[in-house]
Amino acid sequence: MKNLSFERMPQYCFSSNRQFKDGECHMERLYSLSVLLLIRKGILRFTENGVPVELAAGEYYIQQAGLHQQGPVPSDSPNYYFIHFRGTFCTAGALPIRGKFDIDKIQPIIHQLELLGNVGERLEYECLFYQLLCALKNQIPQKTTAERLRTYILEHFSENISLDDLTKISLLSKNQTINIFKDTYSSTPHKFLVDFRLQKAGELILATDMSINEICFQVGFSEYSGFYKSFFGKYGTSPQDYRNKHSKGALPDSVYFIP
């Protein structure tokens, strides 16, 4: 099953509340947008490409764009809030398609969206939409496999990290480990590690008086020639020239946010 990815940020389109009448069925459609459903009361029933879906109060669900939806049987008077959006999906995405939510945490965000009505600025809708997605994601007790791999890399970047080390975390084959990471972060684990090491090297070059050679090994490179080549490829200059051209008060642009 694919999850909603945050590698490319979802785009809010519009949202509203929906109350089914007694005995009402879900509409039949093939929709061009994805829809986040937040069930507050009752039970909603429908099918997607023939697969039955039943949602109860306290559950959320993301209907992916392009799937054939039908309502062959009546729902039980569900009341839910829905958000239409554009998004991308992958197996190692950040937010599962289906899960539970705490209405006490989600309802205040929904209320703010309702107060905006049709007169809010796009930035306001997007901001609240992202707050809601983050709130749903934060309720997930366990990190995805890709997130666990990323956390391990960030915490051990200065050490000798091998693909075998990563497969022990993912419990997958080497190819599966690479692919599941790449699906989420659009980068192989090795490239992600090298880019992060270079980011840290750039920070140390500007913020400390450590020698370039010391910094090379401090951030996890095993040989200077490989460090020099990678650094030049990223910054377009040698490590020493980079230090000479920039003040020590400035830091390079970060490639990744560190939790």
Protein backbone atom coordinates (compact mmCIF):
# COMPACT_ATOMS: atom_id res chain seq x y z
CA MET A 1 0.00 0.00 0.00
CA LYS A 2 1.28 3.46 -0.90
CA ASN A 3 1.59 6.28 1.64
CA LEU A 4 1.33 10.03 1.22
CA SER A 5 4.79 11.46 0.55
CA PHE A 6 6.07 14.77 1.96
CA GLU A 7 9.05 14.83 -0.40
CA ARG A 8 6.87 16.98 -2.64
CA MET A 9 4.56 18.95 -0.42
CA PRO A 10 0.83 18.28 -0.95
CA GLN A 11 -1.19 21.19 -2.33
CA TYR A 12 -4.44 22.19 -0.63
CA CYS A 13 -7.41 22.75 -2.96
CA PHE A 14 -10.55 23.10 -0.83
CA SER A 15 -12.32 21.57 2.15
CA SER A 16 -15.72 21.33 3.83
CA ASN A 17 -17.94 19.34 6.17
CA ARG A 18 -20.17 16.50 4.89
CA GLN A 19 -23.20 14.95 6.56
CA PHE A 20 -24.85 11.89 4.96
CA LYS A 21 -28.60 11.39 5.16
CA ASP A 22 -30.09 8.14 6.49
CA GLY A 23 -29.51 5.37 3.95
CA GLU A 24 -27.37 7.56 1.66
CA CYS A 25 -24.66 5.89 -0.43
CA HIS A 26 -21.28 7.22 -1.43
CA MET A 27 -21.26 8.67 -4.95
CA GLU A 28 -19.69 6.90 -7.90
CA ARG A 29 -16.78 8.79 -9.43
CA LEU A 30 -13.30 8.72 -10.88
CA TYR A 31 -11.83 11.83 -9.30
CA SER A 32 -8.77 13.83 -10.38
CA LEU A 33 -7.87 15.00 -6.84
CA SER A 34 -6.97 13.10 -3.69
CA VAL A 35 -9.27 13.48 -0.68
CA LEU A 36 -8.45 13.30 3.02
CA LEU A 37 -11.47 12.09 5.02
CA LEU A 38 -11.71 12.66 8.79
CA ILE A 39 -14.65 10.68 10.16
CA ARG A 40 -16.28 12.31 13.19
CA LYS A 41 -19.53 10.31 13.54
CA GLY A 42 -21.24 7.31 11.97
CA ILE A 43 -19.77 4.89 9.43
CA LEU A 44 -18.78 5.63 5.83
CA ARG A 45 -18.75 2.78 3.29
CA PHE A 46 -17.49 2.75 -0.28
CA THR A 47 -15.26 0.79 -2.64
CA GLU A 48 -12.07 1.81 -4.46
CA ASN A 49 -11.40 -0.15 -7.63
CA GLY A 50 -13.76 -2.78 -6.21
CA VAL A 51 -12.02 -3.04 -2.80
CA PRO A 52 -14.45 -2.38 0.12
CA VAL A 53 -13.55 0.38 2.60
CA GLU A 54 -15.42 0.98 5.87
CA LEU A 55 -14.48 3.91 8.11
CA ALA A 56 -15.73 4.58 11.63
CA ALA A 57 -15.56 7.64 13.88
CA GLY A 58 -11.98 8.53 14.82
CA GLU A 59 -10.49 7.17 11.59
CA TYR A 60 -8.94 9.07 8.71
CA TYR A 61 -8.53 7.86 5.16
CA ILE A 62 -6.95 9.24 1.99
CA GLN A 63 -8.75 8.54 -1.26
CA GLN A 64 -6.08 8.63 -3.96
CA ALA A 65 -6.76 10.43 -7.21
CA GLY A 66 -7.64 8.28 -10.19
CA LEU A 67 -9.28 5.39 -8.32
CA HIS A 68 -12.83 4.32 -9.19
CA GLN A 69 -15.04 4.97 -6.16
CA GLN A 70 -18.51 3.49 -5.70
CA GLY A 71 -21.09 3.24 -2.93
CA PRO A 72 -22.78 -0.14 -3.46
CA VAL A 73 -24.24 -0.21 0.08
CA PRO A 74 -25.60 2.59 2.31
CA SER A 75 -23.43 4.27 4.93
CA ASP A 76 -24.57 4.83 8.53
CA SER A 77 -25.16 8.61 8.52
CA PRO A 78 -21.47 9.59 8.67
CA ASN A 79 -20.37 13.11 9.46
CA TYR A 80 -16.87 13.91 8.29
CA TYR A 81 -14.57 16.71 7.25
CA PHE A 82 -12.88 16.38 3.88
CA ILE A 83 -9.93 18.11 2.23
CA HIS A 84 -9.33 17.90 -1.51
CA PHE A 85 -5.65 18.18 -2.43
CA ARG A 86 -2.94 17.21 -4.88
CA GLY A 87 -0.26 14.91 -3.56
CA THR A 88 2.23 12.19 -4.41
CA PHE A 89 2.29 8.67 -3.02
CA CYS A 90 4.96 6.01 -2.58
CA THR A 91 5.46 2.83 -0.57
CA ALA A 92 7.81 4.55 1.88
CA GLY A 93 5.85 7.78 2.20
CA ALA A 94 5.53 9.67 5.47
CA LEU A 95 1.80 9.29 6.19
CA PRO A 96 -0.14 6.00 5.88
CA ILE A 97 -3.27 6.09 3.75
CA ARG A 98 -5.38 5.04 6.73
CA GLY A 99 -5.14 5.49 10.47
CA LYS A 100 -6.75 6.77 13.64
CA PHE A 101 -6.78 10.35 14.89
CA ASP A 102 -7.46 12.18 18.15
CA ILE A 103 -10.47 14.39 17.51
CA ASP A 104 -9.50 16.70 20.40
CA LYS A 105 -6.21 17.50 18.63
CA ILE A 106 -7.56 17.62 15.08
CA GLN A 107 -10.85 19.47 15.61
CA PRO A 108 -9.24 22.84 16.54
CA ILE A 109 -7.38 22.81 13.21
CA ILE A 110 -10.57 21.91 11.35
CA HIS A 111 -12.32 24.75 13.17
CA GLN A 112 -9.69 27.22 11.97
CA LEU A 113 -10.15 26.01 8.39
CA GLU A 114 -13.90 26.43 8.71
CA LEU A 115 -13.46 29.99 10.01
CA LEU A 116 -11.45 30.88 6.91
CA GLY A 117 -14.41 29.98 4.72
CA ASN A 118 -13.79 31.16 1.17
CA VAL A 119 -12.01 34.40 2.05
CA GLY A 120 -8.67 33.23 3.45
CA GLU A 121 -5.31 33.64 1.80
CA ARG A 122 -3.87 30.54 0.14
CA LEU A 123 -0.97 30.61 2.59
CA GLU A 124 -3.42 30.34 5.51
CA TYR A 125 -5.13 27.27 4.03
CA GLU A 126 -1.79 25.61 3.25
CA CYS A 127 -0.45 26.37 6.74
CA LEU A 128 -3.46 24.78 8.46
CA PHE A 129 -3.43 21.84 6.06
CA TYR A 130 0.22 21.15 6.88
CA GLN A 131 -0.52 21.49 10.60
CA LEU A 132 -3.23 18.88 10.23
CA LEU A 133 -1.00 16.49 8.27
CA CYS A 134 1.77 16.89 10.85
CA ALA A 135 -0.70 16.22 13.65
CA LEU A 136 -1.81 13.01 11.94
CA LYS A 137 1.77 11.95 11.33
CA ASN A 138 2.80 12.67 14.93
CA GLN A 139 0.09 10.31 16.17
CA ILE A 140 1.79 7.39 14.41
CA PRO A 141 3.66 5.51 17.16
CA GLN A 142 6.39 4.05 14.95
CA LYS A 143 8.58 5.59 12.29
CA THR A 144 8.55 4.22 8.77
CA THR A 145 11.49 2.12 7.64
CA ALA A 146 12.86 5.00 5.59
CA GLU A 147 12.63 7.35 8.57
CA ARG A 148 14.46 4.88 10.80
CA LEU A 149 17.22 4.58 8.22
CA ARG A 150 17.48 8.37 7.92
CA THR A 151 17.67 8.78 11.70
CA TYR A 152 20.43 6.17 11.92
CA ILE A 153 22.45 7.94 9.21
CA LEU A 154 22.10 11.34 10.89
CA GLU A 155 23.12 9.94 14.27
CA HIS A 156 26.11 7.93 12.97
CA PHE A 157 27.25 9.98 9.95
CA SER A 158 30.83 10.31 11.27
CA GLU A 159 31.18 6.53 11.54
CA ASN A 160 31.84 3.92 8.86
CA ILE A 161 28.26 3.14 7.78
CA SER A 162 27.87 0.24 5.38
CA LEU A 163 24.85 -0.98 3.45
CA ASP A 164 24.97 -4.11 5.60
CA ASP A 165 24.46 -1.89 8.67
CA LEU A 166 21.37 -0.38 7.06
CA THR A 167 19.88 -3.75 6.09
CA LYS A 168 20.04 -4.78 9.76
CA ILE A 169 17.73 -1.86 10.51
CA SER A 170 15.38 -2.29 7.57
CA LEU A 171 15.32 -6.12 7.75
CA LEU A 172 15.18 -6.03 3.96
CA SER A 173 17.53 -6.96 1.13
CA LYS A 174 20.14 -4.46 -0.04
CA ASN A 175 18.15 -3.50 -3.13
CA GLN A 176 14.92 -3.15 -1.15
CA THR A 177 16.68 -1.01 1.44
CA ILE A 178 18.03 1.34 -1.23
CA ASN A 179 14.69 1.53 -3.06
CA ILE A 180 12.55 2.18 0.02
CA PHE A 181 14.88 4.99 1.08
CA LYS A 182 14.99 6.47 -2.41
CA ASP A 183 11.18 6.40 -2.71
CA THR A 184 10.93 8.71 0.30
CA TYR A 185 13.98 10.97 0.01
CA SER A 186 14.74 10.85 -3.75
CA SER A 187 18.29 9.84 -2.91
CA THR A 188 20.17 6.64 -2.22
CA PRO A 189 21.32 6.17 1.39
CA HIS A 190 24.94 6.58 0.27
CA LYS A 191 24.34 9.89 -1.52
CA PHE A 192 22.27 11.15 1.43
CA LEU A 193 25.14 10.27 3.79
CA VAL A 194 27.79 11.94 1.62
CA ASP A 195 25.68 15.09 1.17
CA PHE A 196 25.13 15.35 4.92
CA ARG A 197 28.84 14.83 5.65
CA LEU A 198 29.65 17.62 3.19
CA GLN A 199 27.10 19.88 4.85
CA LYS A 200 28.72 19.29 8.25
CA ALA A 201 32.19 19.78 6.73
CA GLY A 202 31.13 23.13 5.28
CA GLU A 203 29.85 24.23 8.69
CA LEU A 204 33.08 23.20 10.45
CA ILE A 205 35.23 24.91 7.81
CA LEU A 206 33.47 28.23 8.45
CA ALA A 207 32.82 27.96 12.18
CA THR A 208 36.07 26.45 13.49
CA ASP A 209 39.85 26.71 13.12
CA MET A 210 40.22 22.97 12.57
CA SER A 211 42.48 22.00 9.68
CA ILE A 212 40.81 20.80 6.49
CA ASN A 213 42.43 17.42 6.99
CA GLU A 214 41.01 17.11 10.50
CA ILE A 215 37.54 18.07 9.29
CA CYS A 216 37.71 15.46 6.52
CA PHE A 217 38.03 12.64 9.05
CA GLN A 218 35.83 14.34 11.66
CA VAL A 219 32.79 14.09 9.38
CA GLY A 220 33.38 10.48 8.42
CA PHE A 221 35.47 10.44 5.23
CA SER A 222 38.13 7.74 5.22
CA GLU A 223 40.52 9.47 2.78
CA TYR A 224 41.25 13.07 1.86
CA SER A 225 41.18 12.59 -1.92
CA GLY A 226 37.60 11.32 -1.82
CA PHE A 227 36.59 14.18 0.48
CA TYR A 228 38.23 16.79 -1.77
CA LYS A 229 36.55 15.45 -4.91
CA SER A 230 33.10 15.29 -3.27
CA PHE A 231 33.46 18.75 -1.70
CA PHE A 232 34.50 20.32 -5.01
CA GLY A 233 31.60 18.61 -6.75
CA LYS A 234 29.11 20.06 -4.27
CA TYR A 235 30.46 23.58 -3.67
CA GLY A 236 32.41 24.16 -6.89
CA THR A 237 35.58 25.07 -5.02
CA SER A 238 38.24 23.47 -2.85
CA PRO A 239 37.72 23.28 0.94
CA GLN A 240 40.49 25.82 1.57
CA ASP A 241 39.22 28.27 -1.04
CA TYR A 242 35.74 27.85 0.44
CA ARG A 243 37.12 28.92 3.82
CA ASN A 244 39.03 31.83 2.28
CA LYS A 245 36.03 33.15 0.34
CA HIS A 246 33.51 33.06 3.19
CA SER A 247 33.48 34.73 6.56
CA LYS A 248 33.45 32.52 9.61
CA GLY A 249 30.16 34.05 10.64
CA ALA A 250 28.36 32.54 7.67
CA LEU A 251 27.21 28.95 7.41
CA PRO A 252 26.41 27.06 4.20
CA ASP A 253 22.81 26.42 3.28
CA SER A 254 21.58 23.28 4.98
CA VAL A 255 20.60 20.41 2.73
CA TYR A 256 18.48 18.60 5.28
CA PHE A 257 16.61 19.56 8.40
CA ILE A 258 17.96 17.72 11.43
CA PRO A 259 15.38 16.48 13.94
